[in-house]
Amino acid sequence: MAEHKAGFVNIIGNPNVGKSTLMNAFVGEKLSIITSKAQTTRHRILGIVNGDDFQVILSDTPGIIKPAYELQSSMMDFVKSAFEDADVLLYMVEIGEKALKDEKFFEKIKNSKIPVLLLMNKIDTSTQEELEEQIQFWQGQLPTVEIHPISALNNFNVKEVFDRILELLPASPPYYPKDQLTDKPERFFVNETIREKILLFYKKEIPYSVEIETEEFFEDPEIIRMRAVIMVERDSQKGIIIGHKGSALKRVGIEARKDLEKFFGKQVHLELYVKVNKNWRSDKRQLKRFGYNKKK
């Protein structure tokens, strides 16, 4: 029997490079929410891929930014932790990108003692000439890393990268039960599904001022009943989320319910409420409550 391999494969990069799309492609399930807006991913989310003789624990982290407030600082702590336990590091860039938004993280990649695969994403949007130029540029910047051109959205070269990851993983028993898909509880995916719809349907600052909390989750054989609260920072934001005669909130509820029914494989009843929770993004106590624990 083949030796069992297992390890942590952590995905890092600037916002909007397609980290969540790649992880979902590897896992075969929609674990990370995906929108075209920056800072869609706020937490570090694990997706677990199991085979007879391997377990790949993929980690999708927030896009690297210069923090402007406490929530963003906590998000960058999730990125720091990704350097600490990785067996393989996937550094994602897109065509035309030249550097990380944080020089310290770039230095960590440069001096990494673990294998680093530089994944050049969205190559379907470039010419052969641009691609060759970019490969040359990154070979100069990071001479020790492996470069793999991919299109996460179109699944181009994704299997080849996964096979390479398996080659690089250490021999180890599995870290998680073999039937486990992620480390996050069910309520987390309810929260994230609702937040994704808010990112898609609202503009400007609104999506970034929102946090979701699922207060009730009752599962019967035929239906799951959920009640979730959408928290905003100001009264004016509450009005925008609800919309005229509740129309905007209703749209969020309908679209989130469709996705949740696909995810859980059964009927869902979802109730949504909106509350004002002033300045929660800058309140360390509130951030801890929502799972943005600062790593010491």
Protein backbone atom coordinates (compact mmCIF):
# COMPACT_ATOMS: atom_id res chain seq x y z
CA MET A 1 0.00 0.00 0.00
CA ALA A 2 1.24 3.52 -0.87
CA GLU A 3 2.61 5.69 1.91
CA HIS A 4 0.01 8.13 3.24
CA LYS A 5 0.74 11.84 2.71
CA ALA A 6 -0.86 14.82 4.43
CA GLY A 7 -0.11 18.48 4.87
CA PHE A 8 -1.17 22.12 4.83
CA VAL A 9 -1.18 23.97 1.51
CA ASN A 10 -1.71 27.68 2.07
CA ILE A 11 -2.80 30.09 -0.67
CA ILE A 12 -1.74 33.73 -0.42
CA GLY A 13 -1.74 36.77 -2.71
CA ASN A 14 -3.15 40.24 -3.29
CA PRO A 15 -6.95 40.76 -3.35
CA ASN A 16 -8.84 39.59 -6.46
CA VAL A 17 -6.20 37.17 -7.78
CA GLY A 18 -8.62 34.23 -7.65
CA LYS A 19 -7.53 32.40 -4.47
CA SER A 20 -11.08 31.40 -3.54
CA THR A 21 -11.84 30.23 -7.09
CA LEU A 22 -8.76 28.00 -6.99
CA MET A 23 -9.58 26.50 -3.61
CA ASN A 24 -13.15 25.74 -4.65
CA ALA A 25 -11.79 24.11 -7.84
CA PHE A 26 -9.46 21.89 -5.78
CA VAL A 27 -12.15 20.95 -3.23
CA GLY A 28 -15.00 20.55 -5.74
CA GLU A 29 -17.36 22.50 -3.44
CA LYS A 30 -18.10 26.18 -2.95
CA LEU A 31 -16.43 26.78 0.42
CA SER A 32 -15.03 30.26 -0.16
CA ILE A 33 -17.33 33.01 -1.39
CA ILE A 34 -16.32 34.67 -4.64
CA THR A 35 -17.06 38.19 -5.87
CA SER A 36 -15.13 40.71 -7.97
CA LYS A 37 -14.77 43.00 -4.93
CA ALA A 38 -11.57 43.23 -2.89
CA GLN A 39 -11.53 41.82 0.65
CA THR A 40 -14.23 39.24 -0.07
CA THR A 41 -12.39 36.70 2.10
CA ARG A 42 -12.12 37.84 5.73
CA HIS A 43 -11.25 34.62 7.54
CA ARG A 44 -8.80 31.80 6.96
CA ILE A 45 -10.91 28.97 5.55
CA LEU A 46 -9.73 25.36 5.34
CA GLY A 47 -10.88 23.05 2.56
CA ILE A 48 -9.92 19.38 2.91
CA VAL A 49 -9.36 17.07 -0.08
CA ASN A 50 -9.10 13.37 0.78
CA GLY A 51 -7.83 10.42 -1.24
CA ASP A 52 -7.02 6.84 -0.25
CA ASP A 53 -3.39 7.74 0.42
CA PHE A 54 -3.46 11.52 0.91
CA GLN A 55 -5.11 14.42 2.71
CA VAL A 56 -4.53 17.95 1.35
CA ILE A 57 -5.59 20.71 3.76
CA LEU A 58 -6.00 23.84 1.65
CA SER A 59 -6.12 27.22 3.31
CA ASP A 60 -7.68 30.28 1.63
CA THR A 61 -6.55 33.50 3.34
CA PRO A 62 -7.66 37.14 2.98
CA GLY A 63 -6.03 39.12 0.19
CA ILE A 64 -2.91 40.96 1.37
CA ILE A 65 -3.55 44.65 2.07
CA LYS A 66 -2.16 47.49 4.20
CA PRO A 67 -4.58 47.49 7.19
CA ALA A 68 -6.60 50.69 7.74
CA TYR A 69 -8.64 49.57 10.78
CA GLU A 70 -8.78 46.81 13.40
CA LEU A 71 -10.77 44.31 11.29
CA GLN A 72 -8.20 44.52 8.49
CA SER A 73 -5.34 44.03 11.01
CA SER A 74 -7.05 40.85 12.21
CA MET A 75 -7.47 39.71 8.60
CA MET A 76 -3.71 40.14 8.04
CA ASP A 77 -3.05 38.04 11.16
CA PHE A 78 -4.76 35.14 9.35
CA VAL A 79 -2.26 35.62 6.51
CA LYS A 80 0.69 35.63 8.94
CA SER A 81 -0.53 32.35 10.43
CA ALA A 82 -0.56 30.82 6.93
CA PHE A 83 3.23 31.16 6.79
CA GLU A 84 3.64 29.39 10.13
CA ASP A 85 2.11 25.98 9.41
CA ALA A 86 2.42 25.57 5.63
CA ASP A 87 4.02 22.47 4.10
CA VAL A 88 3.58 24.00 0.63
CA LEU A 89 2.91 27.67 -0.13
CA LEU A 90 0.90 28.73 -3.19
CA TYR A 91 1.63 32.35 -4.09
CA MET A 92 -0.97 33.55 -6.61
CA VAL A 93 -0.42 36.47 -8.97
CA GLU A 94 -2.22 37.61 -12.08
CA ILE A 95 -0.85 38.82 -15.40
CA GLY A 96 0.55 42.33 -15.04
CA GLU A 97 1.07 42.12 -11.28
CA LYS A 98 4.53 43.10 -10.05
CA ALA A 99 4.58 42.94 -6.23
CA LEU A 100 2.68 42.14 -3.04
CA LYS A 101 0.93 44.99 -1.25
CA ASP A 102 3.09 44.24 1.81
CA GLU A 103 6.88 44.07 1.35
CA LYS A 104 7.38 41.99 4.54
CA PHE A 105 5.20 39.19 3.19
CA PHE A 106 7.14 39.26 -0.09
CA GLU A 107 10.43 38.89 1.83
CA LYS A 108 8.97 35.89 3.66
CA ILE A 109 8.17 34.24 0.33
CA LYS A 110 11.65 35.05 -0.98
CA ASN A 111 13.30 33.47 2.07
CA SER A 112 10.88 30.57 2.48
CA LYS A 113 12.39 27.22 3.49
CA ILE A 114 9.30 25.34 2.29
CA PRO A 115 8.36 24.68 -1.37
CA VAL A 116 6.68 27.70 -3.03
CA LEU A 117 4.61 27.38 -6.20
CA LEU A 118 3.97 30.69 -7.94
CA LEU A 119 0.63 30.35 -9.72
CA MET A 120 0.19 32.86 -12.51
CA ASN A 121 -3.60 33.08 -12.73
CA LYS A 122 -5.99 34.44 -15.39
CA ILE A 123 -3.67 33.52 -18.27
CA ASP A 124 -6.78 33.18 -20.46
CA THR A 125 -6.86 37.01 -20.47
CA SER A 126 -3.28 37.38 -21.77
CA THR A 127 -1.26 36.81 -24.94
CA GLN A 128 1.60 34.31 -25.23
CA GLU A 129 4.04 37.23 -25.40
CA GLU A 130 2.69 38.76 -22.16
CA LEU A 131 2.85 35.37 -20.45
CA GLU A 132 6.48 34.77 -21.43
CA GLU A 133 7.41 38.28 -20.30
CA GLN A 134 5.73 37.71 -16.92
CA ILE A 135 7.42 34.33 -16.39
CA GLN A 136 10.79 35.98 -17.06
CA PHE A 137 9.96 38.79 -14.61
CA TRP A 138 8.98 36.42 -11.77
CA GLN A 139 11.98 34.14 -12.39
CA GLY A 140 14.12 37.22 -11.76
CA GLN A 141 12.19 38.19 -8.62
CA LEU A 142 11.92 34.70 -7.10
CA PRO A 143 14.54 32.42 -8.68
CA THR A 144 13.90 29.49 -6.28
CA VAL A 145 10.13 29.10 -6.80
CA GLU A 146 8.31 26.94 -9.34
CA ILE A 147 6.11 28.88 -11.77
CA HIS A 148 2.83 27.39 -13.01
CA PRO A 149 0.56 29.34 -15.43
CA ILE A 150 -3.12 28.57 -14.63
CA SER A 151 -6.70 29.69 -15.13
CA ALA A 152 -8.56 28.81 -11.92
CA LEU A 153 -11.88 29.91 -13.45
CA ASN A 154 -11.49 27.66 -16.50
CA ASN A 155 -9.76 24.83 -14.60
CA PHE A 156 -6.69 25.11 -16.85
CA ASN A 157 -3.60 23.43 -15.32
CA VAL A 158 -5.39 23.07 -11.94
CA LYS A 159 -5.08 19.26 -11.88
CA GLU A 160 -1.38 19.48 -12.80
CA VAL A 161 -0.77 21.88 -9.87
CA PHE A 162 -2.69 19.55 -7.53
CA ASP A 163 -0.58 16.57 -8.67
CA ARG A 164 2.57 18.59 -8.00
CA ILE A 165 1.28 19.43 -4.50
CA LEU A 166 0.81 15.70 -3.80
CA GLU A 167 4.43 15.07 -4.81
CA LEU A 168 5.63 17.75 -2.37
CA LEU A 169 3.55 16.72 0.66
CA PRO A 170 5.31 14.98 3.56
CA ALA A 171 4.45 11.45 4.67
CA SER A 172 1.92 11.80 7.48
CA PRO A 173 -1.33 10.30 8.79
CA PRO A 174 -4.44 12.44 8.15
CA TYR A 175 -4.97 15.46 10.40
CA TYR A 176 -8.78 15.40 10.06
CA PRO A 177 -11.42 12.66 9.71
CA LYS A 178 -11.49 11.46 6.11
CA ASP A 179 -15.13 12.47 5.58
CA GLN A 180 -14.53 16.08 6.70
CA LEU A 181 -14.64 18.82 4.06
CA THR A 182 -13.71 21.90 6.13
CA ASP A 183 -12.88 23.08 9.65
CA LYS A 184 -15.75 25.59 9.74
CA PRO A 185 -19.17 24.95 11.34
CA GLU A 186 -22.40 25.05 9.32
CA ARG A 187 -23.36 28.49 10.64
CA PHE A 188 -20.16 29.94 9.18
CA PHE A 189 -21.30 29.01 5.66
CA VAL A 190 -24.73 30.52 6.29
CA ASN A 191 -23.04 33.78 7.34
CA GLU A 192 -20.69 33.76 4.35
CA THR A 193 -23.46 32.99 1.83
CA ILE A 194 -25.50 35.95 3.07
CA ARG A 195 -22.41 38.20 3.07
CA GLU A 196 -21.63 37.18 -0.51
CA LYS A 197 -25.08 38.38 -1.64
CA ILE A 198 -24.53 41.70 0.13
CA LEU A 199 -21.16 42.08 -1.63
CA LEU A 200 -22.90 41.43 -4.95
CA PHE A 201 -26.02 43.58 -4.49
CA TYR A 202 -24.80 46.69 -2.62
CA LYS A 203 -22.26 49.36 -3.51
CA LYS A 204 -19.57 51.51 -1.91
CA GLU A 205 -18.90 51.04 1.80
CA ILE A 206 -22.02 49.00 2.66
CA PRO A 207 -20.60 45.46 2.10
CA TYR A 208 -17.49 46.26 4.14
CA SER A 209 -19.52 47.56 7.09
CA VAL A 210 -21.54 44.34 7.39
CA GLU A 211 -21.10 41.29 9.63
CA ILE A 212 -23.52 38.35 9.75
CA GLU A 213 -24.44 36.27 12.77
CA THR A 214 -26.63 33.16 12.49
CA GLU A 215 -28.57 33.08 15.76
CA GLU A 216 -30.65 29.97 15.09
CA PHE A 217 -29.98 26.81 13.06
CA PHE A 218 -32.47 23.97 13.51
CA GLU A 219 -32.26 20.94 11.25
CA ASP A 220 -35.24 18.61 10.70
CA PRO A 221 -35.24 15.63 8.30
CA GLU A 222 -36.91 17.69 5.54
CA ILE A 223 -35.94 21.32 6.25
CA ILE A 224 -33.36 23.55 7.96
CA ARG A 225 -34.72 26.63 9.74
CA MET A 226 -32.28 29.51 10.12
CA ARG A 227 -32.44 32.99 11.58
CA ALA A 228 -29.58 35.39 10.85
CA VAL A 229 -28.85 38.99 11.79
CA ILE A 230 -27.11 41.40 9.42
CA MET A 231 -25.13 43.90 11.48
CA VAL A 232 -24.23 47.34 10.16
CA GLU A 233 -22.38 50.26 11.73
CA ARG A 234 -24.89 53.10 11.16
CA ASP A 235 -28.66 53.68 11.01
CA SER A 236 -28.38 54.97 7.43
CA GLN A 237 -26.79 51.66 6.40
CA LYS A 238 -29.64 49.74 7.98
CA GLY A 239 -32.11 51.58 5.73
CA ILE A 240 -30.05 50.81 2.62
CA ILE A 241 -29.79 47.10 3.48
CA ILE A 242 -33.57 46.84 4.01
CA GLY A 243 -34.46 48.91 0.94
CA HIS A 244 -37.86 50.29 -0.12
CA LYS A 245 -40.58 48.27 1.65
CA GLY A 246 -37.99 45.60 2.45
CA SER A 247 -37.31 44.80 -1.22
CA ALA A 248 -33.49 44.80 -1.00
CA LEU A 249 -33.41 42.56 2.08
CA LYS A 250 -35.93 40.19 0.47
CA ARG A 251 -33.66 39.83 -2.57
CA VAL A 252 -30.69 38.93 -0.35
CA GLY A 253 -32.82 36.34 1.46
CA ILE A 254 -34.13 34.71 -1.73
CA GLU A 255 -30.71 34.44 -3.40
CA ALA A 256 -28.95 33.25 -0.20
CA ARG A 257 -31.63 30.61 0.38
CA LYS A 258 -31.14 29.20 -3.16
CA ASP A 259 -27.40 28.74 -2.55
CA LEU A 260 -27.91 27.31 0.94
CA GLU A 261 -30.39 24.73 -0.37
CA LYS A 262 -27.74 23.60 -2.90
CA PHE A 263 -25.04 23.54 -0.21
CA PHE A 264 -27.03 21.57 2.39
CA GLY A 265 -29.01 19.48 -0.09
CA LYS A 266 -32.40 20.16 1.50
CA GLN A 267 -35.10 22.80 1.88
CA VAL A 268 -34.13 25.94 3.80
CA HIS A 269 -36.27 28.49 5.63
CA LEU A 270 -34.24 31.66 6.19
CA GLU A 271 -35.28 34.68 8.26
CA LEU A 272 -33.15 37.84 8.05
CA TYR A 273 -33.03 40.84 10.40
CA VAL A 274 -30.89 43.99 10.37
CA LYS A 275 -29.34 45.55 13.50
CA VAL A 276 -27.02 48.50 14.10
CA ASN A 277 -23.82 47.54 15.91
CA LYS A 278 -21.85 50.80 16.02
CA ASN A 279 -18.17 50.71 14.96
CA TRP A 280 -17.88 46.92 15.29
CA ARG A 281 -14.95 46.88 12.81
CA SER A 282 -12.78 48.84 15.27
CA ASP A 283 -13.92 47.11 18.47
CA LYS A 284 -11.51 44.32 19.54
CA ARG A 285 -14.11 42.71 21.80
CA GLN A 286 -16.68 42.54 18.99
CA LEU A 287 -14.08 41.26 16.52
CA LYS A 288 -13.17 38.45 18.90
CA ARG A 289 -16.84 37.54 19.18
CA PHE A 290 -17.06 37.28 15.38
CA GLY A 291 -14.01 35.02 15.18
CA TYR A 292 -11.35 37.56 14.20
CA ASN A 293 -9.08 36.56 17.07
CA LYS A 294 -5.74 38.31 16.97
CA LYS A 295 -2.86 35.83 16.87
CA LYS A 296 -0.20 36.61 19.45
